[in-house]
Protein backbone atom coordinates (compact mmCIF):
# COMPACT_ATOMS: atom_id res chain seq x y z
CA UNK A 1 0.00 0.00 0.00
CA UNK A 2 1.43 3.35 -0.97
CA UNK A 3 1.45 6.47 1.18
CA UNK A 4 -1.36 8.26 -0.68
CA UNK A 5 -3.88 5.48 -0.17
CA UNK A 6 -2.90 5.25 3.52
CA UNK A 7 -3.59 8.97 3.94
CA UNK A 8 -6.93 8.69 2.15
CA UNK A 9 -7.94 5.79 4.37
CA UNK A 10 -7.01 7.79 7.45
CA UNK A 11 -9.18 10.77 6.50
CA UNK A 12 -11.91 8.74 4.82
CA UNK A 13 -13.17 7.34 8.12
CA UNK A 14 -13.80 10.65 9.89
CA UNK A 15 -17.23 10.84 11.43
CA UNK A 16 -19.27 13.77 12.66
CA UNK A 17 -17.94 13.48 16.20
CA UNK A 18 -14.31 13.53 15.07
CA UNK A 19 -14.89 16.57 12.86
CA UNK A 20 -16.57 18.44 15.74
CA UNK A 21 -13.65 17.62 18.04
CA UNK A 22 -11.15 18.84 15.43
CA UNK A 23 -13.12 22.09 15.02
CA UNK A 24 -13.21 22.66 18.77
CA UNK A 25 -9.45 22.13 19.02
CA UNK A 26 -8.97 24.50 16.06
CA UNK A 27 -11.13 27.13 17.82
CA UNK A 28 -9.18 26.74 21.06
CA UNK A 29 -5.82 27.06 19.31
CA UNK A 30 -6.60 30.09 17.17
CA UNK A 31 -9.39 31.82 19.08
CA UNK A 32 -12.61 33.35 17.83
CA UNK A 33 -11.03 36.56 16.55
CA UNK A 34 -8.13 34.99 14.68
CA UNK A 35 -10.18 32.49 12.61
CA UNK A 36 -12.00 35.14 10.47
CA UNK A 37 -8.66 36.83 9.78
CA UNK A 38 -7.19 33.48 8.78
CA UNK A 39 -10.13 32.73 6.46
CA UNK A 40 -9.87 36.23 4.96
CA UNK A 41 -6.19 35.64 4.20
CA UNK A 42 -6.99 32.29 2.59
CA UNK A 43 -9.69 33.95 0.47
CA UNK A 44 -7.28 36.64 -0.71
CA UNK A 45 -4.76 33.97 -1.62
CA UNK A 46 -7.30 32.00 -3.63
CA UNK A 47 -8.45 35.17 -5.43
CA UNK A 48 -4.91 36.14 -6.38
CA UNK A 49 -4.21 32.58 -7.54
CA UNK A 50 -7.30 32.60 -9.79
CA UNK A 51 -6.36 36.06 -11.09
CA UNK A 52 -2.88 34.81 -11.95
CA UNK A 53 -4.30 31.79 -13.78
CA UNK A 54 -6.67 34.01 -15.77
CA UNK A 55 -3.84 36.37 -16.70
CA UNK A 56 -1.72 33.47 -17.91
CA UNK A 57 -4.63 32.08 -19.96
CA UNK A 58 -5.21 35.51 -21.53
CA UNK A 59 -1.51 35.82 -22.31
CA UNK A 60 -1.54 32.41 -23.99
CA UNK A 61 -4.67 33.23 -26.01
CA UNK A 62 -3.37 36.54 -27.39
CA UNK A 63 -1.38 36.39 -30.61
CA UNK A 64 2.32 36.87 -30.03
CA UNK A 65 3.10 38.62 -33.33
CA UNK A 66 1.13 41.76 -32.37
CA UNK A 67 2.75 41.88 -28.93
CA UNK A 68 6.26 41.70 -30.37
CA UNK A 69 5.69 44.54 -32.86
CA UNK A 70 4.25 47.08 -30.43
CA UNK A 71 7.31 47.56 -28.16
CA UNK A 72 9.63 47.88 -31.19
CA UNK A 73 7.46 50.61 -32.69
CA UNK A 74 7.36 52.52 -29.40
CA UNK A 75 11.15 52.37 -29.07
CA UNK A 76 11.60 53.55 -32.67
CA UNK A 77 9.19 56.44 -32.14
CA UNK A 78 11.04 57.60 -29.02
CA UNK A 79 14.39 57.76 -30.84
PDB file of N, CA and C in Angstrom:
ATOM      1  N   UNK A   1       0.847  -1.179   0.000  1.00  0.00           N
ATOM      2  CA  UNK A   1       0.000   0.000   0.000  1.00  0.00           C
ATOM      3  C   UNK A   1       0.891   1.240   0.000  1.00  0.00           C
ATOM      4  N   UNK A   2       0.602   2.149  -0.910  1.00  0.00           N
ATOM      5  CA  UNK A   2       1.433   3.353  -0.971  1.00  0.00           C
ATOM      6  C   UNK A   2       0.960   4.400   0.039  1.00  0.00           C
ATOM      7  N   UNK A   3       1.707   5.444   0.169  1.00  0.00           N
ATOM      8  CA  UNK A   3       1.449   6.467   1.181  1.00  0.00           C
ATOM      9  C   UNK A   3       0.146   7.209   0.930  1.00  0.00           C
ATOM     10  N   UNK A   4      -0.147   7.502  -0.354  1.00  0.00           N
ATOM     11  CA  UNK A   4      -1.355   8.258  -0.679  1.00  0.00           C
ATOM     12  C   UNK A   4      -2.613   7.508  -0.259  1.00  0.00           C
ATOM     13  N   UNK A   5      -2.677   6.237  -0.549  1.00  0.00           N
ATOM     14  CA  UNK A   5      -3.878   5.484  -0.167  1.00  0.00           C
ATOM     15  C   UNK A   5      -3.980   5.343   1.346  1.00  0.00           C
ATOM     16  N   UNK A   6      -2.855   5.306   2.059  1.00  0.00           N
ATOM     17  CA  UNK A   6      -2.900   5.251   3.518  1.00  0.00           C
ATOM     18  C   UNK A   6      -3.457   6.547   4.085  1.00  0.00           C
ATOM     19  N   UNK A   7      -3.073   7.681   3.481  1.00  0.00           N
ATOM     20  CA  UNK A   7      -3.588   8.973   3.941  1.00  0.00           C
ATOM     21  C   UNK A   7      -5.079   9.078   3.660  1.00  0.00           C
ATOM     22  N   UNK A   8      -5.501   8.631   2.481  1.00  0.00           N
ATOM     23  CA  UNK A   8      -6.926   8.687   2.146  1.00  0.00           C
ATOM     24  C   UNK A   8      -7.754   7.805   3.068  1.00  0.00           C
ATOM     25  N   UNK A   9      -7.230   6.650   3.434  1.00  0.00           N
ATOM     26  CA  UNK A   9      -7.944   5.787   4.367  1.00  0.00           C
ATOM     27  C   UNK A   9      -8.037   6.426   5.748  1.00  0.00           C
ATOM     28  N   UNK A  10      -7.013   7.138   6.142  1.00  0.00           N
ATOM     29  CA  UNK A  10      -7.011   7.793   7.445  1.00  0.00           C
ATOM     30  C   UNK A  10      -8.094   8.861   7.520  1.00  0.00           C
ATOM     31  N   UNK A  11      -8.208   9.691   6.481  1.00  0.00           N
ATOM     32  CA  UNK A  11      -9.181  10.772   6.498  1.00  0.00           C
ATOM     33  C   UNK A  11     -10.546  10.336   5.990  1.00  0.00           C
ATOM     34  N   UNK A  12     -10.635   9.214   5.341  1.00  0.00           N
ATOM     35  CA  UNK A  12     -11.911   8.744   4.817  1.00  0.00           C
ATOM     36  C   UNK A  12     -12.855   8.241   5.892  1.00  0.00           C
ATOM     37  N   UNK A  13     -12.347   7.905   7.058  1.00  0.00           N
ATOM     38  CA  UNK A  13     -13.174   7.337   8.119  1.00  0.00           C
ATOM     39  C   UNK A  13     -13.539   8.354   9.194  1.00  0.00           C
ATOM     40  N   UNK A  14     -13.430   9.639   8.907  1.00  0.00           N
ATOM     41  CA  UNK A  14     -13.796  10.648   9.886  1.00  0.00           C
ATOM     42  C   UNK A  14     -15.315  10.746   9.990  1.00  0.00           C
ATOM     43  N   UNK A  15     -15.805  10.685  11.200  1.00  0.00           N
ATOM     44  CA  UNK A  15     -17.229  10.836  11.432  1.00  0.00           C
ATOM     45  C   UNK A  15     -17.556  12.238  11.917  1.00  0.00           C
ATOM     46  N   UNK A  16     -18.817  12.460  12.204  1.00  0.00           N
ATOM     47  CA  UNK A  16     -19.270  13.772  12.659  1.00  0.00           C
ATOM     48  C   UNK A  16     -18.616  14.152  13.984  1.00  0.00           C
ATOM     49  N   UNK A  17     -18.522  13.204  14.884  1.00  0.00           N
ATOM     50  CA  UNK A  17     -17.939  13.479  16.201  1.00  0.00           C
ATOM     51  C   UNK A  17     -16.475  13.896  16.074  1.00  0.00           C
ATOM     52  N   UNK A  18     -15.723  13.199  15.241  1.00  0.00           N
ATOM     53  CA  UNK A  18     -14.315  13.531  15.072  1.00  0.00           C
ATOM     54  C   UNK A  18     -14.139  14.914  14.457  1.00  0.00           C
ATOM     55  N   UNK A  19     -14.981  15.251  13.496  1.00  0.00           N
ATOM     56  CA  UNK A  19     -14.894  16.567  12.859  1.00  0.00           C
ATOM     57  C   UNK A  19     -15.210  17.665  13.868  1.00  0.00           C
ATOM     58  N   UNK A  20     -16.212  17.456  14.707  1.00  0.00           N
ATOM     59  CA  UNK A  20     -16.568  18.438  15.737  1.00  0.00           C
ATOM     60  C   UNK A  20     -15.418  18.614  16.725  1.00  0.00           C
ATOM     61  N   UNK A  21     -14.779  17.536  17.112  1.00  0.00           N
ATOM     62  CA  UNK A  21     -13.646  17.618  18.041  1.00  0.00           C
ATOM     63  C   UNK A  21     -12.493  18.390  17.404  1.00  0.00           C
ATOM     64  N   UNK A  22     -12.224  18.126  16.139  1.00  0.00           N
ATOM     65  CA  UNK A  22     -11.153  18.845  15.432  1.00  0.00           C
ATOM     66  C   UNK A  22     -11.475  20.335  15.353  1.00  0.00           C
ATOM     67  N   UNK A  23     -12.723  20.683  15.082  1.00  0.00           N
ATOM     68  CA  UNK A  23     -13.118  22.089  15.018  1.00  0.00           C
ATOM     69  C   UNK A  23     -13.002  22.783  16.370  1.00  0.00           C
ATOM     70  N   UNK A  24     -13.342  22.088  17.430  1.00  0.00           N
ATOM     71  CA  UNK A  24     -13.212  22.661  18.775  1.00  0.00           C
ATOM     72  C   UNK A  24     -11.745  22.911  19.106  1.00  0.00           C
ATOM     73  N   UNK A  25     -10.883  21.961  18.777  1.00  0.00           N
ATOM     74  CA  UNK A  25      -9.451  22.134  19.022  1.00  0.00           C
ATOM     75  C   UNK A  25      -8.915  23.305  18.196  1.00  0.00           C
ATOM     76  N   UNK A  26      -9.367  23.402  16.942  1.00  0.00           N
ATOM     77  CA  UNK A  26      -8.972  24.503  16.064  1.00  0.00           C
ATOM     78  C   UNK A  26      -9.399  25.839  16.665  1.00  0.00           C
ATOM     79  N   UNK A  27     -10.620  25.908  17.190  1.00  0.00           N
ATOM     80  CA  UNK A  27     -11.128  27.127  17.817  1.00  0.00           C
ATOM     81  C   UNK A  27     -10.325  27.480  19.065  1.00  0.00           C
ATOM     82  N   UNK A  28      -9.969  26.483  19.857  1.00  0.00           N
ATOM     83  CA  UNK A  28      -9.183  26.739  21.064  1.00  0.00           C
ATOM     84  C   UNK A  28      -7.771  27.221  20.729  1.00  0.00           C
ATOM     85  N   UNK A  29      -7.178  26.670  19.677  1.00  0.00           N
ATOM     86  CA  UNK A  29      -5.821  27.061  19.314  1.00  0.00           C
ATOM     87  C   UNK A  29      -5.750  28.472  18.746  1.00  0.00           C
ATOM     88  N   UNK A  30      -6.680  28.820  17.870  1.00  0.00           N
ATOM     89  CA  UNK A  30      -6.595  30.093  17.167  1.00  0.00           C
ATOM     90  C   UNK A  30      -7.484  31.182  17.762  1.00  0.00           C
ATOM     91  N   UNK A  31      -8.504  30.829  18.488  1.00  0.00           N
ATOM     92  CA  UNK A  31      -9.388  31.819  19.081  1.00  0.00           C
ATOM     93  C   UNK A  31     -10.441  32.313  18.103  1.00  0.00           C
ATOM     94  N   UNK A  32     -11.489  32.899  18.643  1.00  0.00           N
ATOM     95  CA  UNK A  32     -12.610  33.352  17.826  1.00  0.00           C
ATOM     96  C   UNK A  32     -12.290  34.538  16.936  1.00  0.00           C
ATOM     97  N   UNK A  33     -11.358  35.373  17.339  1.00  0.00           N
ATOM     98  CA  UNK A  33     -11.027  36.561  16.551  1.00  0.00           C
ATOM     99  C   UNK A  33     -10.034  36.248  15.437  1.00  0.00           C
ATOM    100  N   UNK A  34      -9.186  35.279  15.648  1.00  0.00           N
ATOM    101  CA  UNK A  34      -8.132  34.985  14.678  1.00  0.00           C
ATOM    102  C   UNK A  34      -8.654  34.168  13.490  1.00  0.00           C
ATOM    103  N   UNK A  35      -9.675  33.355  13.682  1.00  0.00           N
ATOM    104  CA  UNK A  35     -10.183  32.493  12.607  1.00  0.00           C
ATOM    105  C   UNK A  35     -10.725  33.308  11.428  1.00  0.00           C
ATOM    106  N   UNK A  36     -11.560  34.361  11.639  1.00  0.00           N
ATOM    107  CA  UNK A  36     -11.998  35.144  10.473  1.00  0.00           C
ATOM    108  C   UNK A  36     -10.843  35.797   9.716  1.00  0.00           C
ATOM    109  N   UNK A  37      -9.828  36.250  10.443  1.00  0.00           N
ATOM    110  CA  UNK A  37      -8.657  36.829   9.785  1.00  0.00           C
ATOM    111  C   UNK A  37      -7.936  35.778   8.952  1.00  0.00           C
ATOM    112  N   UNK A  38      -7.837  34.580   9.493  1.00  0.00           N
ATOM    113  CA  UNK A  38      -7.190  33.483   8.782  1.00  0.00           C
ATOM    114  C   UNK A  38      -7.969  33.126   7.514  1.00  0.00           C
ATOM    115  N   UNK A  39      -9.287  33.046   7.621  1.00  0.00           N
ATOM    116  CA  UNK A  39     -10.125  32.730   6.459  1.00  0.00           C
ATOM    117  C   UNK A  39     -10.067  33.850   5.413  1.00  0.00           C
ATOM    118  N   UNK A  40      -9.984  35.095   5.881  1.00  0.00           N
ATOM    119  CA  UNK A  40      -9.868  36.231   4.963  1.00  0.00           C
ATOM    120  C   UNK A  40      -8.552  36.139   4.178  1.00  0.00           C
ATOM    121  N   UNK A  41      -7.488  35.799   4.863  1.00  0.00           N
ATOM    122  CA  UNK A  41      -6.194  35.635   4.199  1.00  0.00           C
ATOM    123  C   UNK A  41      -6.212  34.501   3.183  1.00  0.00           C
ATOM    124  N   UNK A  42      -6.867  33.412   3.527  1.00  0.00           N
ATOM    125  CA  UNK A  42      -6.987  32.294   2.589  1.00  0.00           C
ATOM    126  C   UNK A  42      -7.797  32.714   1.373  1.00  0.00           C
ATOM    127  N   UNK A  43      -8.871  33.466   1.581  1.00  0.00           N
ATOM    128  CA  UNK A  43      -9.694  33.946   0.471  1.00  0.00           C
ATOM    129  C   UNK A  43      -8.914  34.856  -0.457  1.00  0.00           C
ATOM    130  N   UNK A  44      -8.100  35.752   0.113  1.00  0.00           N
ATOM    131  CA  UNK A  44      -7.276  36.641  -0.712  1.00  0.00           C
ATOM    132  C   UNK A  44      -6.265  35.836  -1.520  1.00  0.00           C
ATOM    133  N   UNK A  45      -5.713  34.816  -0.914  1.00  0.00           N
ATOM    134  CA  UNK A  45      -4.755  33.968  -1.617  1.00  0.00           C
ATOM    135  C   UNK A  45      -5.393  33.230  -2.781  1.00  0.00           C
ATOM    136  N   UNK A  46      -6.593  32.710  -2.565  1.00  0.00           N
ATOM    137  CA  UNK A  46      -7.300  31.997  -3.630  1.00  0.00           C
ATOM    138  C   UNK A  46      -7.653  32.958  -4.757  1.00  0.00           C
ATOM    139  N   UNK A  47      -8.112  34.176  -4.402  1.00  0.00           N
ATOM    140  CA  UNK A  47      -8.453  35.170  -5.428  1.00  0.00           C
ATOM    141  C   UNK A  47      -7.239  35.545  -6.267  1.00  0.00           C
ATOM    142  N   UNK A  48      -6.107  35.770  -5.623  1.00  0.00           N
ATOM    143  CA  UNK A  48      -4.913  36.145  -6.375  1.00  0.00           C
ATOM    144  C   UNK A  48      -4.421  34.977  -7.236  1.00  0.00           C
ATOM    145  N   UNK A  49      -4.587  33.753  -6.755  1.00  0.00           N
ATOM    146  CA  UNK A  49      -4.212  32.577  -7.536  1.00  0.00           C
ATOM    147  C   UNK A  49      -5.076  32.471  -8.791  1.00  0.00           C
ATOM    148  N   UNK A  50      -6.393  32.652  -8.638  1.00  0.00           N
ATOM    149  CA  UNK A  50      -7.297  32.605  -9.790  1.00  0.00           C
ATOM    150  C   UNK A  50      -7.003  33.738 -10.766  1.00  0.00           C
ATOM    151  N   UNK A  51      -6.688  34.923 -10.232  1.00  0.00           N
ATOM    152  CA  UNK A  51      -6.358  36.058 -11.093  1.00  0.00           C
ATOM    153  C   UNK A  51      -5.096  35.761 -11.895  1.00  0.00           C
ATOM    154  N   UNK A  52      -4.116  35.175 -11.267  1.00  0.00           N
ATOM    155  CA  UNK A  52      -2.885  34.809 -11.955  1.00  0.00           C
ATOM    156  C   UNK A  52      -3.124  33.784 -13.047  1.00  0.00           C
ATOM    157  N   UNK A  53      -3.976  32.804 -12.767  1.00  0.00           N
ATOM    158  CA  UNK A  53      -4.298  31.792 -13.775  1.00  0.00           C
ATOM    159  C   UNK A  53      -5.008  32.439 -14.955  1.00  0.00           C
ATOM    160  N   UNK A  54      -5.955  33.334 -14.682  1.00  0.00           N
ATOM    161  CA  UNK A  54      -6.672  34.007 -15.766  1.00  0.00           C
ATOM    162  C   UNK A  54      -5.738  34.865 -16.603  1.00  0.00           C
ATOM    163  N   UNK A  55      -4.794  35.549 -15.962  1.00  0.00           N
ATOM    164  CA  UNK A  55      -3.837  36.374 -16.697  1.00  0.00           C
ATOM    165  C   UNK A  55      -2.952  35.511 -17.600  1.00  0.00           C
ATOM    166  N   UNK A  56      -2.543  34.365 -17.108  1.00  0.00           N
ATOM    167  CA  UNK A  56      -1.718  33.468 -17.913  1.00  0.00           C
ATOM    168  C   UNK A  56      -2.515  32.935 -19.102  1.00  0.00           C
ATOM    169  N   UNK A  57      -3.791  32.566 -18.868  1.00  0.00           N
ATOM    170  CA  UNK A  57      -4.626  32.078 -19.958  1.00  0.00           C
ATOM    171  C   UNK A  57      -4.839  33.165 -21.014  1.00  0.00           C
ATOM    172  N   UNK A  58      -5.046  34.412 -20.580  1.00  0.00           N
ATOM    173  CA  UNK A  58      -5.209  35.506 -21.532  1.00  0.00           C
ATOM    174  C   UNK A  58      -3.925  35.737 -22.315  1.00  0.00           C
ATOM    175  N   UNK A  59      -2.787  35.626 -21.640  1.00  0.00           N
ATOM    176  CA  UNK A  59      -1.512  35.815 -22.307  1.00  0.00           C
ATOM    177  C   UNK A  59      -1.272  34.726 -23.349  1.00  0.00           C
ATOM    178  N   UNK A  60      -1.696  33.511 -23.044  1.00  0.00           N
ATOM    179  CA  UNK A  60      -1.541  32.412 -23.990  1.00  0.00           C
ATOM    180  C   UNK A  60      -2.468  32.594 -25.182  1.00  0.00           C
ATOM    181  N   UNK A  61      -3.678  33.085 -24.941  1.00  0.00           N
ATOM    182  CA  UNK A  61      -4.669  33.234 -26.006  1.00  0.00           C
ATOM    183  C   UNK A  61      -4.371  34.381 -26.956  1.00  0.00           C
ATOM    184  N   UNK A  62      -3.645  35.402 -26.519  1.00  0.00           N
ATOM    185  CA  UNK A  62      -3.375  36.542 -27.391  1.00  0.00           C
ATOM    186  C   UNK A  62      -2.293  36.178 -28.394  1.00  0.00           C
ATOM    187  N   UNK A  63      -2.408  36.686 -29.613  1.00  0.00           N
ATOM    188  CA  UNK A  63      -1.377  36.391 -30.614  1.00  0.00           C
ATOM    189  C   UNK A  63      -0.058  37.067 -30.254  1.00  0.00           C
ATOM    190  N   UNK A  64       1.020  36.351 -30.433  1.00  0.00           N
ATOM    191  CA  UNK A  64       2.321  36.873 -30.032  1.00  0.00           C
ATOM    192  C   UNK A  64       2.897  37.845 -31.053  1.00  0.00           C
ATOM    193  N   UNK A  65       2.508  37.750 -32.313  1.00  0.00           N
ATOM    194  CA  UNK A  65       3.099  38.622 -33.333  1.00  0.00           C
ATOM    195  C   UNK A  65       2.727  40.084 -33.094  1.00  0.00           C
ATOM    196  N   UNK A  66       1.509  40.374 -32.636  1.00  0.00           N
ATOM    197  CA  UNK A  66       1.131  41.764 -32.372  1.00  0.00           C
ATOM    198  C   UNK A  66       1.828  42.293 -31.133  1.00  0.00           C
ATOM    199  N   UNK A  67       2.059  41.445 -30.145  1.00  0.00           N
ATOM    200  CA  UNK A  67       2.746  41.876 -28.927  1.00  0.00           C
ATOM    201  C   UNK A  67       4.207  42.204 -29.207  1.00  0.00           C
ATOM    202  N   UNK A  68       4.845  41.467 -30.087  1.00  0.00           N
ATOM    203  CA  UNK A  68       6.259  41.702 -30.375  1.00  0.00           C
ATOM    204  C   UNK A  68       6.475  42.973 -31.184  1.00  0.00           C
ATOM    205  N   UNK A  69       5.525  43.361 -32.009  1.00  0.00           N
ATOM    206  CA  UNK A  69       5.694  44.536 -32.855  1.00  0.00           C
ATOM    207  C   UNK A  69       5.465  45.840 -32.096  1.00  0.00           C
ATOM    208  N   UNK A  70       4.589  45.842 -31.132  1.00  0.00           N
ATOM    209  CA  UNK A  70       4.253  47.080 -30.427  1.00  0.00           C
ATOM    210  C   UNK A  70       5.434  47.688 -29.670  1.00  0.00           C
ATOM    211  N   UNK A  71       6.180  46.935 -28.879  1.00  0.00           N
ATOM    212  CA  UNK A  71       7.307  47.559 -28.162  1.00  0.00           C
ATOM    213  C   UNK A  71       8.381  48.087 -29.111  1.00  0.00           C
ATOM    214  N   UNK A  72       8.622  47.420 -30.245  1.00  0.00           N
ATOM    215  CA  UNK A  72       9.629  47.878 -31.190  1.00  0.00           C
ATOM    216  C   UNK A  72       9.211  49.212 -31.790  1.00  0.00           C
ATOM    217  N   UNK A  73       7.933  49.357 -32.116  1.00  0.00           N
ATOM    218  CA  UNK A  73       7.455  50.606 -32.687  1.00  0.00           C
ATOM    219  C   UNK A  73       7.569  51.747 -31.687  1.00  0.00           C
ATOM    220  N   UNK A  74       7.262  51.478 -30.427  1.00  0.00           N
ATOM    221  CA  UNK A  74       7.357  52.517 -29.402  1.00  0.00           C
ATOM    222  C   UNK A  74       8.802  52.962 -29.212  1.00  0.00           C
ATOM    223  N   UNK A  75       9.747  52.031 -29.250  1.00  0.00           N
ATOM    224  CA  UNK A  75      11.150  52.370 -29.072  1.00  0.00           C
ATOM    225  C   UNK A  75      11.646  53.190 -30.265  1.00  0.00           C
ATOM    226  N   UNK A  76      11.185  52.819 -31.484  1.00  0.00           N
ATOM    227  CA  UNK A  76      11.601  53.554 -32.667  1.00  0.00           C
ATOM    228  C   UNK A  76      11.031  54.967 -32.655  1.00  0.00           C
ATOM    229  N   UNK A  77       9.817  55.124 -32.173  1.00  0.00           N
ATOM    230  CA  UNK A  77       9.185  56.444 -32.142  1.00  0.00           C
ATOM    231  C   UNK A  77       9.879  57.357 -31.141  1.00  0.00           C
ATOM    232  N   UNK A  78      10.382  56.802 -30.034  1.00  0.00           N
ATOM    233  CA  UNK A  78      11.040  57.602 -29.016  1.00  0.00           C
ATOM    234  C   UNK A  78      12.394  58.107 -29.490  1.00  0.00           C
ATOM    235  N   UNK A  79      13.057  57.371 -30.361  1.00  0.00           N
ATOM    236  CA  UNK A  79      14.393  57.757 -30.838  1.00  0.00           C
ATOM    237  C   UNK A  79      14.236  58.721 -31.941  1.00  0.00           C
TER     238      UNK A  79
END
